[in-house]
Amino acid sequence: MLGTSLEDSGYAVETLLSPTRNAITEHISDLSASAPPGGTLLLYFTGHGVRVGTTDYLVPSDARAPAYNSDNTAGWEQPHVRESLLEAGISRYLANRSAGTGRRRRARTRARSM
């Protein structure tokens, strides 16, 4: 539904279904590097995520699941599990692009009466 609305508005839409960690990071890097200056790049994620400590992670299709234990979050902190996740803060993959807020400054004009 979102993809169709964006396409109807003239945007190119690319969808990754059940992507691996590497597929996600490579795709973000490639899209970022190919985006024209002043262009718009919208990244929209749906799927599973988890918070470990104070960090939010995306859970890609190839993530390692922790062994079940009574403490639901303890397993996610294991190094081999955490390394298979993707931090939700994806700025490092954005090819030195700056994020805008979508707001534009208006030119100031002065009216002078004669």
PDB file of N, CA and C in Angstrom:
ATOM      1  N   MET A   1       0.818  -1.181   0.000  1.00  0.00           N
ATOM      2  CA  MET A   1       0.000   0.000   0.000  1.00  0.00           C
ATOM      3  C   MET A   1       0.875   1.264   0.000  1.00  0.00           C
ATOM      4  N   LEU A   2       1.876   1.308   0.880  1.00  0.00           N
ATOM      5  CA  LEU A   2       2.777   2.456   0.906  1.00  0.00           C
ATOM      6  C   LEU A   2       3.564   2.532  -0.392  1.00  0.00           C
ATOM      7  N   GLY A   3       4.058   1.379  -0.856  1.00  0.00           N
ATOM      8  CA  GLY A   3       4.818   1.337  -2.096  1.00  0.00           C
ATOM      9  C   GLY A   3       4.007   1.834  -3.278  1.00  0.00           C
ATOM     10  N   THR A   4       2.769   1.432  -3.364  1.00  0.00           N
ATOM     11  CA  THR A   4       1.893   1.859  -4.454  1.00  0.00           C
ATOM     12  C   THR A   4       1.645   3.357  -4.394  1.00  0.00           C
ATOM     13  N   SER A   5       1.426   3.883  -3.208  1.00  0.00           N
ATOM     14  CA  SER A   5       1.208   5.324  -3.053  1.00  0.00           C
ATOM     15  C   SER A   5       2.434   6.115  -3.480  1.00  0.00           C
ATOM     16  N   LEU A   6       3.620   5.639  -3.108  1.00  0.00           N
ATOM     17  CA  LEU A   6       4.848   6.330  -3.502  1.00  0.00           C
ATOM     18  C   LEU A   6       5.054   6.252  -5.014  1.00  0.00           C
ATOM     19  N   GLU A   7       4.810   5.073  -5.599  1.00  0.00           N
ATOM     20  CA  GLU A   7       4.934   4.936  -7.054  1.00  0.00           C
ATOM     21  C   GLU A   7       3.956   5.856  -7.771  1.00  0.00           C
ATOM     22  N   ASP A   8       2.746   5.956  -7.259  1.00  0.00           N
ATOM     23  CA  ASP A   8       1.743   6.849  -7.853  1.00  0.00           C
ATOM     24  C   ASP A   8       2.161   8.306  -7.768  1.00  0.00           C
ATOM     25  N   SER A   9       3.057   8.620  -6.818  1.00  0.00           N
ATOM     26  CA  SER A   9       3.555   9.988  -6.661  1.00  0.00           C
ATOM     27  C   SER A   9       4.854  10.213  -7.436  1.00  0.00           C
ATOM     28  N   GLY A  10       5.287   9.216  -8.206  1.00  0.00           N
ATOM     29  CA  GLY A  10       6.460   9.387  -9.043  1.00  0.00           C
ATOM     30  C   GLY A  10       7.768   8.876  -8.460  1.00  0.00           C
ATOM     31  N   TYR A  11       7.719   8.213  -7.335  1.00  0.00           N
ATOM     32  CA  TYR A  11       8.927   7.673  -6.720  1.00  0.00           C
ATOM     33  C   TYR A  11       9.219   6.275  -7.254  1.00  0.00           C
ATOM     34  N   ALA A  12      10.494   5.942  -7.362  1.00  0.00           N
ATOM     35  CA  ALA A  12      10.904   4.576  -7.664  1.00  0.00           C
ATOM     36  C   ALA A  12      10.932   3.822  -6.344  1.00  0.00           C
ATOM     37  N   VAL A  13      10.366   2.645  -6.318  1.00  0.00           N
ATOM     38  CA  VAL A  13      10.266   1.860  -5.086  1.00  0.00           C
ATOM     39  C   VAL A  13      10.995   0.533  -5.282  1.00  0.00           C
ATOM     40  N   GLU A  14      11.853   0.209  -4.335  1.00  0.00           N
ATOM     41  CA  GLU A  14      12.551  -1.073  -4.336  1.00  0.00           C
ATOM     42  C   GLU A  14      12.219  -1.787  -3.041  1.00  0.00           C
ATOM     43  N   THR A  15      11.917  -3.060  -3.141  1.00  0.00           N
ATOM     44  CA  THR A  15      11.528  -3.842  -1.973  1.00  0.00           C
ATOM     45  C   THR A  15      12.476  -5.018  -1.806  1.00  0.00           C
ATOM     46  N   LEU A  16      12.939  -5.237  -0.597  1.00  0.00           N
ATOM     47  CA  LEU A  16      13.751  -6.404  -0.272  1.00  0.00           C
ATOM     48  C   LEU A  16      12.902  -7.316   0.602  1.00  0.00           C
ATOM     49  N   LEU A  17      12.698  -8.529   0.164  1.00  0.00           N
ATOM     50  CA  LEU A  17      11.902  -9.477   0.937  1.00  0.00           C
ATOM     51  C   LEU A  17      12.833 -10.438   1.672  1.00  0.00           C
ATOM     52  N   SER A  18      12.712 -10.513   2.976  1.00  0.00           N
ATOM     53  CA  SER A  18      13.538 -11.373   3.827  1.00  0.00           C
ATOM     54  C   SER A  18      15.028 -11.200   3.544  1.00  0.00           C
ATOM     55  N   PRO A  19      15.522  -9.971   3.577  1.00  0.00           N
ATOM     56  CA  PRO A  19      16.938  -9.752   3.244  1.00  0.00           C
ATOM     57  C   PRO A  19      17.875 -10.172   4.370  1.00  0.00           C
ATOM     58  N   THR A  20      19.081 -10.525   3.971  1.00  0.00           N
ATOM     59  CA  THR A  20      20.129 -10.831   4.937  1.00  0.00           C
ATOM     60  C   THR A  20      20.733  -9.524   5.433  1.00  0.00           C
ATOM     61  N   ARG A  21      21.554  -9.616   6.456  1.00  0.00           N
ATOM     62  CA  ARG A  21      22.229  -8.432   7.001  1.00  0.00           C
ATOM     63  C   ARG A  21      23.062  -7.750   5.920  1.00  0.00           C
ATOM     64  N   ASN A  22      23.849  -8.535   5.182  1.00  0.00           N
ATOM     65  CA  ASN A  22      24.682  -7.955   4.126  1.00  0.00           C
ATOM     66  C   ASN A  22      23.857  -7.337   3.008  1.00  0.00           C
ATOM     67  N   ALA A  23      22.759  -7.980   2.635  1.00  0.00           N
ATOM     68  CA  ALA A  23      21.907  -7.437   1.572  1.00  0.00           C
ATOM     69  C   ALA A  23      21.347  -6.068   1.978  1.00  0.00           C
ATOM     70  N   ILE A  24      20.953  -5.928   3.235  1.00  0.00           N
ATOM     71  CA  ILE A  24      20.414  -4.650   3.708  1.00  0.00           C
ATOM     72  C   ILE A  24      21.483  -3.559   3.654  1.00  0.00           C
ATOM     73  N   THR A  25      22.651  -3.841   4.233  1.00  0.00           N
ATOM     74  CA  THR A  25      23.686  -2.808   4.288  1.00  0.00           C
ATOM     75  C   THR A  25      24.208  -2.462   2.901  1.00  0.00           C
ATOM     76  N   GLU A  26      24.386  -3.448   2.029  1.00  0.00           N
ATOM     77  CA  GLU A  26      24.850  -3.166   0.670  1.00  0.00           C
ATOM     78  C   GLU A  26      23.826  -2.338  -0.100  1.00  0.00           C
ATOM     79  N   HIS A  27      22.555  -2.670   0.053  1.00  0.00           N
ATOM     80  CA  HIS A  27      21.511  -1.942  -0.672  1.00  0.00           C
ATOM     81  C   HIS A  27      21.418  -0.484  -0.196  1.00  0.00           C
ATOM     82  N   ILE A  28      21.491  -0.285   1.107  1.00  0.00           N
ATOM     83  CA  ILE A  28      21.456   1.082   1.631  1.00  0.00           C
ATOM     84  C   ILE A  28      22.654   1.875   1.121  1.00  0.00           C
ATOM     85  N   SER A  29      23.835   1.274   1.164  1.00  0.00           N
ATOM     86  CA  SER A  29      25.043   1.963   0.684  1.00  0.00           C
ATOM     87  C   SER A  29      24.938   2.296  -0.796  1.00  0.00           C
ATOM     88  N   ASP A  30      24.481   1.353  -1.605  1.00  0.00           N
ATOM     89  CA  ASP A  30      24.348   1.588  -3.049  1.00  0.00           C
ATOM     90  C   ASP A  30      23.322   2.677  -3.353  1.00  0.00           C
ATOM     91  N   LEU A  31      22.173   2.615  -2.693  1.00  0.00           N
ATOM     92  CA  LEU A  31      21.145   3.640  -2.917  1.00  0.00           C
ATOM     93  C   LEU A  31      21.646   5.015  -2.514  1.00  0.00           C
ATOM     94  N   SER A  32      22.313   5.075  -1.386  1.00  0.00           N
ATOM     95  CA  SER A  32      22.830   6.346  -0.890  1.00  0.00           C
ATOM     96  C   SER A  32      23.854   6.937  -1.852  1.00  0.00           C
ATOM     97  N   ALA A  33      24.755   6.104  -2.335  1.00  0.00           N
ATOM     98  CA  ALA A  33      25.801   6.583  -3.234  1.00  0.00           C
ATOM     99  C   ALA A  33      25.240   7.034  -4.574  1.00  0.00           C
ATOM    100  N   SER A  34      24.125   6.454  -5.008  1.00  0.00           N
ATOM    101  CA  SER A  34      23.569   6.806  -6.310  1.00  0.00           C
ATOM    102  C   SER A  34      22.505   7.904  -6.246  1.00  0.00           C
ATOM    103  N   ALA A  35      22.126   8.320  -5.047  1.00  0.00           N
ATOM    104  CA  ALA A  35      21.108   9.371  -4.916  1.00  0.00           C
ATOM    105  C   ALA A  35      21.683  10.703  -5.395  1.00  0.00           C
ATOM    106  N   PRO A  36      20.943  11.424  -6.218  1.00  0.00           N
ATOM    107  CA  PRO A  36      21.450  12.712  -6.704  1.00  0.00           C
ATOM    108  C   PRO A  36      21.475  13.747  -5.579  1.00  0.00           C
ATOM    109  N   PRO A  37      22.412  14.700  -5.662  1.00  0.00           N
ATOM    110  CA  PRO A  37      22.435  15.775  -4.658  1.00  0.00           C
ATOM    111  C   PRO A  37      21.078  16.485  -4.631  1.00  0.00           C
ATOM    112  N   GLY A  38      20.573  16.701  -3.454  1.00  0.00           N
ATOM    113  CA  GLY A  38      19.271  17.350  -3.307  1.00  0.00           C
ATOM    114  C   GLY A  38      18.103  16.408  -3.527  1.00  0.00           C
ATOM    115  N   GLY A  39      18.388  15.138  -3.816  1.00  0.00           N
ATOM    116  CA  GLY A  39      17.319  14.167  -4.041  1.00  0.00           C
ATOM    117  C   GLY A  39      16.752  13.669  -2.724  1.00  0.00           C
ATOM    118  N   THR A  40      15.739  12.855  -2.832  1.00  0.00           N
ATOM    119  CA  THR A  40      15.084  12.299  -1.659  1.00  0.00           C
ATOM    120  C   THR A  40      15.290  10.798  -1.639  1.00  0.00           C
ATOM    121  N   LEU A  41      15.723  10.288  -0.502  1.00  0.00           N
ATOM    122  CA  LEU A  41      15.875   8.857  -0.306  1.00  0.00           C
ATOM    123  C   LEU A  41      15.095   8.501   0.946  1.00  0.00           C
ATOM    124  N   LEU A  42      14.043   7.727   0.773  1.00  0.00           N
ATOM    125  CA  LEU A  42      13.204   7.303   1.893  1.00  0.00           C
ATOM    126  C   LEU A  42      13.492   5.841   2.175  1.00  0.00           C
ATOM    127  N   LEU A  43      13.935   5.554   3.385  1.00  0.00           N
ATOM    128  CA  LEU A  43      14.169   4.180   3.812  1.00  0.00           C
ATOM    129  C   LEU A  43      13.090   3.822   4.817  1.00  0.00           C
ATOM    130  N   TYR A  44      12.356   2.770   4.523  1.00  0.00           N
ATOM    131  CA  TYR A  44      11.244   2.356   5.370  1.00  0.00           C
ATOM    132  C   TYR A  44      11.447   0.891   5.725  1.00  0.00           C
ATOM    133  N   PHE A  45      11.504   0.593   6.985  1.00  0.00           N
ATOM    134  CA  PHE A  45      11.736  -0.765   7.438  1.00  0.00           C
ATOM    135  C   PHE A  45      10.490  -1.325   8.108  1.00  0.00           C
ATOM    136  N   THR A  46      10.164  -2.552   7.772  1.00  0.00           N
ATOM    137  CA  THR A  46       9.166  -3.309   8.530  1.00  0.00           C
ATOM    138  C   THR A  46       9.794  -4.659   8.837  1.00  0.00           C
ATOM    139  N   GLY A  47       9.399  -5.252   9.883  1.00  0.00           N
ATOM    140  CA  GLY A  47       9.947  -6.558  10.237  1.00  0.00           C
ATOM    141  C   GLY A  47      10.196  -6.633  11.725  1.00  0.00           C
ATOM    142  N   HIS A  48      11.117  -7.484  12.087  1.00  0.00           N
ATOM    143  CA  HIS A  48      11.399  -7.720  13.498  1.00  0.00           C
ATOM    144  C   HIS A  48      12.544  -6.837  13.979  1.00  0.00           C
ATOM    145  N   GLY A  49      12.477  -6.485  15.237  1.00  0.00           N
ATOM    146  CA  GLY A  49      13.525  -5.710  15.876  1.00  0.00           C
ATOM    147  C   GLY A  49      13.627  -6.112  17.332  1.00  0.00           C
ATOM    148  N   VAL A  50      14.719  -5.715  17.940  1.00  0.00           N
ATOM    149  CA  VAL A  50      14.933  -6.036  19.352  1.00  0.00           C
ATOM    150  C   VAL A  50      15.786  -4.937  19.961  1.00  0.00           C
ATOM    151  N   ARG A  51      15.567  -4.653  21.219  1.00  0.00           N
ATOM    152  CA  ARG A  51      16.401  -3.715  21.959  1.00  0.00           C
ATOM    153  C   ARG A  51      17.283  -4.518  22.898  1.00  0.00           C
ATOM    154  N   VAL A  52      18.585  -4.296  22.787  1.00  0.00           N
ATOM    155  CA  VAL A  52      19.551  -4.938  23.672  1.00  0.00           C
ATOM    156  C   VAL A  52      20.243  -3.817  24.430  1.00  0.00           C
ATOM    157  N   GLY A  53      20.026  -3.755  25.720  1.00  0.00           N
ATOM    158  CA  GLY A  53      20.539  -2.633  26.514  1.00  0.00           C
ATOM    159  C   GLY A  53      19.835  -1.365  26.065  1.00  0.00           C
ATOM    160  N   THR A  54      20.594  -0.406  25.539  1.00  0.00           N
ATOM    161  CA  THR A  54      20.012   0.852  25.066  1.00  0.00           C
ATOM    162  C   THR A  54      20.081   0.974  23.546  1.00  0.00           C
ATOM    163  N   THR A  55      20.415  -0.112  22.852  1.00  0.00           N
ATOM    164  CA  THR A  55      20.568  -0.075  21.413  1.00  0.00           C
ATOM    165  C   THR A  55      19.449  -0.856  20.736  1.00  0.00           C
ATOM    166  N   ASP A  56      18.853  -0.255  19.691  1.00  0.00           N
ATOM    167  CA  ASP A  56      17.822  -0.918  18.911  1.00  0.00           C
ATOM    168  C   ASP A  56      18.468  -1.590  17.702  1.00  0.00           C
ATOM    169  N   TYR A  57      17.986  -2.788  17.376  1.00  0.00           N
ATOM    170  CA  TYR A  57      18.529  -3.558  16.261  1.00  0.00           C
ATOM    171  C   TYR A  57      17.399  -4.022  15.349  1.00  0.00           C
ATOM    172  N   LEU A  58      17.707  -4.095  14.048  1.00  0.00           N
ATOM    173  CA  LEU A  58      16.856  -4.794  13.105  1.00  0.00           C
ATOM    174  C   LEU A  58      17.284  -6.251  13.145  1.00  0.00           C
ATOM    175  N   VAL A  59      16.351  -7.163  12.932  1.00  0.00           N
ATOM    176  CA  VAL A  59      16.678  -8.585  12.931  1.00  0.00           C
ATOM    177  C   VAL A  59      16.540  -9.081  11.491  1.00  0.00           C
ATOM    178  N   PRO A  60      17.659  -9.159  10.752  1.00  0.00           N
ATOM    179  CA  PRO A  60      17.601  -9.623   9.367  1.00  0.00           C
ATOM    180  C   PRO A  60      17.284 -11.112   9.287  1.00  0.00           C
ATOM    181  N   SER A  61      17.003 -11.588   8.079  1.00  0.00           N
ATOM    182  CA  SER A  61      16.575 -12.985   7.926  1.00  0.00           C
ATOM    183  C   SER A  61      17.649 -13.991   8.328  1.00  0.00           C
ATOM    184  N   ASP A  62      18.918 -13.599   8.284  1.00  0.00           N
ATOM    185  CA  ASP A  62      19.986 -14.533   8.645  1.00  0.00           C
ATOM    186  C   ASP A  62      20.526 -14.332  10.057  1.00  0.00           C
ATOM    187  N   ALA A  63      19.799 -13.595  10.888  1.00  0.00           N
ATOM    188  CA  ALA A  63      20.244 -13.370  12.271  1.00  0.00           C
ATOM    189  C   ALA A  63      20.223 -14.685  13.045  1.00  0.00           C
ATOM    190  N   ARG A  64      21.144 -14.780  13.975  1.00  0.00           N
ATOM    191  CA  ARG A  64      21.190 -15.961  14.844  1.00  0.00           C
ATOM    192  C   ARG A  64      20.232 -15.747  16.008  1.00  0.00           C
ATOM    193  N   ALA A  65      19.375 -16.683  16.212  1.00  0.00           N
ATOM    194  CA  ALA A  65      18.428 -16.589  17.320  1.00  0.00           C
ATOM    195  C   ALA A  65      19.102 -17.088  18.594  1.00  0.00           C
ATOM    196  N   PRO A  66      18.850 -16.421  19.701  1.00  0.00           N
ATOM    197  CA  PRO A  66      19.431 -16.895  20.955  1.00  0.00           C
ATOM    198  C   PRO A  66      18.739 -18.174  21.424  1.00  0.00           C
ATOM    199  N   ALA A  67      19.477 -18.948  22.190  1.00  0.00           N
ATOM    200  CA  ALA A  67      18.885 -20.134  22.799  1.00  0.00           C
ATOM    201  C   ALA A  67      17.807 -19.680  23.774  1.00  0.00           C
ATOM    202  N   TYR A  68      16.751 -20.419  23.874  1.00  0.00           N
ATOM    203  CA  TYR A  68      15.670 -20.044  24.784  1.00  0.00           C
ATOM    204  C   TYR A  68      16.137 -20.167  26.226  1.00  0.00           C
ATOM    205  N   ASN A  69      15.778 -19.161  27.007  1.00  0.00           N
ATOM    206  CA  ASN A  69      15.983 -19.237  28.452  1.00  0.00           C
ATOM    207  C   ASN A  69      14.865 -18.451  29.115  1.00  0.00           C
ATOM    208  N   SER A  70      14.781 -18.539  30.410  1.00  0.00           N
ATOM    209  CA  SER A  70      13.672 -17.889  31.112  1.00  0.00           C
ATOM    210  C   SER A  70      13.753 -16.368  31.047  1.00  0.00           C
ATOM    211  N   ASP A  71      14.952 -15.820  30.881  1.00  0.00           N
ATOM    212  CA  ASP A  71      15.122 -14.370  30.748  1.00  0.00           C
ATOM    213  C   ASP A  71      15.160 -14.048  29.255  1.00  0.00           C
ATOM    214  N   ASN A  72      14.069 -13.568  28.727  1.00  0.00           N
ATOM    215  CA  ASN A  72      13.919 -13.352  27.285  1.00  0.00           C
ATOM    216  C   ASN A  72      15.030 -12.537  26.641  1.00  0.00           C
ATOM    217  N   THR A  73      15.596 -11.557  27.327  1.00  0.00           N
ATOM    218  CA  THR A  73      16.564 -10.669  26.699  1.00  0.00           C
ATOM    219  C   THR A  73      18.000 -11.122  26.859  1.00  0.00           C
ATOM    220  N   ALA A  74      18.303 -11.986  27.811  1.00  0.00           N
ATOM    221  CA  ALA A  74      19.690 -12.353  28.082  1.00  0.00           C
ATOM    222  C   ALA A  74      20.368 -12.978  26.871  1.00  0.00           C
ATOM    223  N   GLY A  75      19.673 -13.790  26.105  1.00  0.00           N
ATOM    224  CA  GLY A  75      20.261 -14.449  24.957  1.00  0.00           C
ATOM    225  C   GLY A  75      20.685 -13.496  23.864  1.00  0.00           C
ATOM    226  N   TRP A  76      19.985 -12.389  23.704  1.00  0.00           N
ATOM    227  CA  TRP A  76      20.308 -11.409  22.652  1.00  0.00           C
ATOM    228  C   TRP A  76      21.645 -10.731  22.912  1.00  0.00           C
ATOM    229  N   GLU A  77      22.107 -10.761  24.149  1.00  0.00           N
ATOM    230  CA  GLU A  77      23.365 -10.101  24.482  1.00  0.00           C
ATOM    231  C   GLU A  77      24.590 -10.963  24.197  1.00  0.00           C
ATOM    232  N   GLN A  78      24.415 -12.192  23.825  1.00  0.00           N
ATOM    233  CA  GLN A  78      25.546 -13.053  23.484  1.00  0.00           C
ATOM    234  C   GLN A  78      26.239 -12.475  22.245  1.00  0.00           C
ATOM    235  N   PRO A  79      27.569 -12.403  22.250  1.00  0.00           N
ATOM    236  CA  PRO A  79      28.290 -11.765  21.134  1.00  0.00           C
ATOM    237  C   PRO A  79      27.946 -12.338  19.759  1.00  0.00           C
ATOM    238  N   HIS A  80      27.849 -13.654  19.623  1.00  0.00           N
ATOM    239  CA  HIS A  80      27.569 -14.226  18.303  1.00  0.00           C
ATOM    240  C   HIS A  80      26.158 -13.882  17.821  1.00  0.00           C
ATOM    241  N   VAL A  81      25.244 -13.660  18.742  1.00  0.00           N
ATOM    242  CA  VAL A  81      23.885 -13.261  18.364  1.00  0.00           C
ATOM    243  C   VAL A  81      23.867 -11.780  18.013  1.00  0.00           C
ATOM    244  N   ARG A  82      24.446 -10.934  18.865  1.00  0.00           N
ATOM    245  CA  ARG A  82      24.438  -9.494  18.630  1.00  0.00           C
ATOM    246  C   ARG A  82      25.126  -9.138  17.313  1.00  0.00           C
ATOM    247  N   GLU A  83      26.212  -9.820  16.977  1.00  0.00           N
ATOM    248  CA  GLU A  83      26.938  -9.542  15.728  1.00  0.00           C
ATOM    249  C   GLU A  83      26.113  -9.860  14.491  1.00  0.00           C
ATOM    250  N   SER A  84      25.112 -10.722  14.614  1.00  0.00           N
ATOM    251  CA  SER A  84      24.285 -11.070  13.466  1.00  0.00           C
ATOM    252  C   SER A  84      23.141 -10.079  13.253  1.00  0.00           C
ATOM    253  N   LEU A  85      22.953  -9.161  14.192  1.00  0.00           N
ATOM    254  CA  LEU A  85      21.897  -8.158  14.097  1.00  0.00           C
ATOM    255  C   LEU A  85      22.418  -6.934  13.359  1.00  0.00           C
ATOM    256  N   LEU A  86      21.542  -6.009  13.034  1.00  0.00           N
ATOM    257  CA  LEU A  86      21.916  -4.775  12.354  1.00  0.00           C
ATOM    258  C   LEU A  86      21.414  -3.606  13.186  1.00  0.00           C
ATOM    259  N   GLU A  87      22.341  -2.761  13.656  1.00  0.00           N
ATOM    260  CA  GLU A  87      21.919  -1.603  14.450  1.00  0.00           C
ATOM    261  C   GLU A  87      20.934  -0.758  13.662  1.00  0.00           C
ATOM    262  N   ALA A  88      19.886  -0.298  14.319  1.00  0.00           N
ATOM    263  CA  ALA A  88      18.872   0.510  13.649  1.00  0.00           C
ATOM    264  C   ALA A  88      19.416   1.877  13.242  1.00  0.00           C
ATOM    265  N   GLY A  89      20.465   2.358  13.895  1.00  0.00           N
ATOM    266  CA  GLY A  89      21.115   3.610  13.494  1.00  0.00           C
ATOM    267  C   GLY A  89      21.970   3.354  12.262  1.00  0.00           C
ATOM    268  N   ILE A  90      21.440   3.581  11.075  1.00  0.00           N
ATOM    269  CA  ILE A  90      22.101   3.187   9.833  1.00  0.00           C
ATOM    270  C   ILE A  90      22.921   4.294   9.193  1.00  0.00           C
ATOM    271  N   SER A  91      23.180   5.367   9.906  1.00  0.00           N
ATOM    272  CA  SER A  91      23.870   6.526   9.336  1.00  0.00           C
ATOM    273  C   SER A  91      25.189   6.178   8.664  1.00  0.00           C
ATOM    274  N   ARG A  92      25.932   5.229   9.208  1.00  0.00           N
ATOM    275  CA  ARG A  92      27.244   4.903   8.642  1.00  0.00           C
ATOM    276  C   ARG A  92      27.155   4.323   7.232  1.00  0.00           C
ATOM    277  N   TYR A  93      25.986   3.885   6.803  1.00  0.00           N
ATOM    278  CA  TYR A  93      25.828   3.319   5.464  1.00  0.00           C
ATOM    279  C   TYR A  93      25.351   4.346   4.444  1.00  0.00           C
ATOM    280  N   LEU A  94      25.212   5.589   4.847  1.00  0.00           N
ATOM    281  CA  LEU A  94      24.605   6.594   3.982  1.00  0.00           C
ATOM    282  C   LEU A  94      25.599   7.428   3.191  1.00  0.00           C
ATOM    283  N   ALA A  95      26.781   6.929   2.906  1.00  0.00           N
ATOM    284  CA  ALA A  95      27.754   7.541   1.988  1.00  0.00           C
ATOM    285  C   ALA A  95      27.938   9.036   2.196  1.00  0.00           C
ATOM    286  N   ASN A  96      28.148   9.417   3.449  1.00  0.00           N
ATOM    287  CA  ASN A  96      28.411  10.823   3.778  1.00  0.00           C
ATOM    288  C   ASN A  96      27.310  11.772   3.323  1.00  0.00           C
ATOM    289  N   ARG A  97      26.102  11.319   3.310  1.00  0.00           N
ATOM    290  CA  ARG A  97      24.960  12.180   2.984  1.00  0.00           C
ATOM    291  C   ARG A  97      24.428  12.769   4.275  1.00  0.00           C
ATOM    292  N   SER A  98      23.845  13.939   4.180  1.00  0.00           N
ATOM    293  CA  SER A  98      23.243  14.523   5.376  1.00  0.00           C
ATOM    294  C   SER A  98      21.740  14.368   5.300  1.00  0.00           C
ATOM    295  N   ALA A  99      21.151  14.138   6.422  1.00  0.00           N
ATOM    296  CA  ALA A  99      19.702  13.983   6.482  1.00  0.00           C
ATOM    297  C   ALA A  99      19.055  15.349   6.631  1.00  0.00           C
ATOM    298  N   GLY A 100      18.061  15.600   5.844  1.00  0.00           N
ATOM    299  CA  GLY A 100      17.322  16.849   5.942  1.00  0.00           C
ATOM    300  C   GLY A 100      16.045  16.643   6.726  1.00  0.00           C
ATOM    301  N   THR A 101      15.435  17.717   7.075  1.00  0.00           N
ATOM    302  CA  THR A 101      14.208  17.628   7.849  1.00  0.00           C
ATOM    303  C   THR A 101      12.974  17.752   6.978  1.00  0.00           C
ATOM    304  N   GLY A 102      13.177  18.035   5.708  1.00  0.00           N
ATOM    305  CA  GLY A 102      12.033  18.208   4.833  1.00  0.00           C
ATOM    306  C   GLY A 102      11.508  19.625   4.839  1.00  0.00           C
ATOM    307  N   ARG A 103      12.070  20.490   5.675  1.00  0.00           N
ATOM    308  CA  ARG A 103      11.631  21.884   5.719  1.00  0.00           C
ATOM    309  C   ARG A 103      12.529  22.717   4.820  1.00  0.00           C
ATOM    310  N   ARG A 104      11.945  23.651   4.153  1.00  0.00           N
ATOM    311  CA  ARG A 104      12.714  24.553   3.300  1.00  0.00           C
ATOM    312  C   ARG A 104      12.604  25.957   3.855  1.00  0.00           C
ATOM    313  N   ARG A 105      13.686  26.687   3.707  1.00  0.00           N
ATOM    314  CA  ARG A 105      13.647  28.081   4.149  1.00  0.00           C
ATOM    315  C   ARG A 105      12.958  28.928   3.091  1.00  0.00           C
ATOM    316  N   ARG A 106      12.195  29.854   3.540  1.00  0.00           N
ATOM    317  CA  ARG A 106      11.542  30.786   2.623  1.00  0.00           C
ATOM    318  C   ARG A 106      12.415  32.007   2.442  1.00  0.00           C
ATOM    319  N   ALA A 107      12.438  32.481   1.248  1.00  0.00           N
ATOM    320  CA  ALA A 107      13.182  33.722   0.998  1.00  0.00           C
ATOM    321  C   ALA A 107      12.401  34.864   1.640  1.00  0.00           C
ATOM    322  N   ARG A 108      13.123  35.736   2.286  1.00  0.00           N
ATOM    323  CA  ARG A 108      12.464  36.883   2.902  1.00  0.00           C
ATOM    324  C   ARG A 108      12.308  38.003   1.895  1.00  0.00           C
ATOM    325  N   THR A 109      11.172  38.587   1.898  1.00  0.00           N
ATOM    326  CA  THR A 109      10.944  39.743   1.013  1.00  0.00           C
ATOM    327  C   THR A 109      10.485  40.897   1.857  1.00  0.00           C
ATOM    328  N   ARG A 110      10.850  42.068   1.424  1.00  0.00           N
ATOM    329  CA  ARG A 110      10.411  43.264   2.126  1.00  0.00           C
ATOM    330  C   ARG A 110       9.458  44.042   1.255  1.00  0.00           C
ATOM    331  N   ALA A 111       8.418  44.472   1.835  1.00  0.00           N
ATOM    332  CA  ALA A 111       7.478  45.320   1.105  1.00  0.00           C
ATOM    333  C   ALA A 111       7.770  46.766   1.478  1.00  0.00           C
ATOM    334  N   ARG A 112       7.825  47.615   0.474  1.00  0.00           N
ATOM    335  CA  ARG A 112       8.099  49.030   0.745  1.00  0.00           C
ATOM    336  C   ARG A 112       6.959  49.838   0.126  1.00  0.00           C
ATOM    337  N   SER A 113       6.405  50.704   0.917  1.00  0.00           N
ATOM    338  CA  SER A 113       5.333  51.529   0.371  1.00  0.00           C
ATOM    339  C   SER A 113       5.921  52.835  -0.180  1.00  0.00           C
ATOM    340  N   MET A 114       5.339  53.305  -1.218  1.00  0.00           N
ATOM    341  CA  MET A 114       5.826  54.538  -1.832  1.00  0.00           C
ATOM    342  C   MET A 114       4.794  55.612  -1.784  1.00  0.00           C
TER     343      MET A 114
END
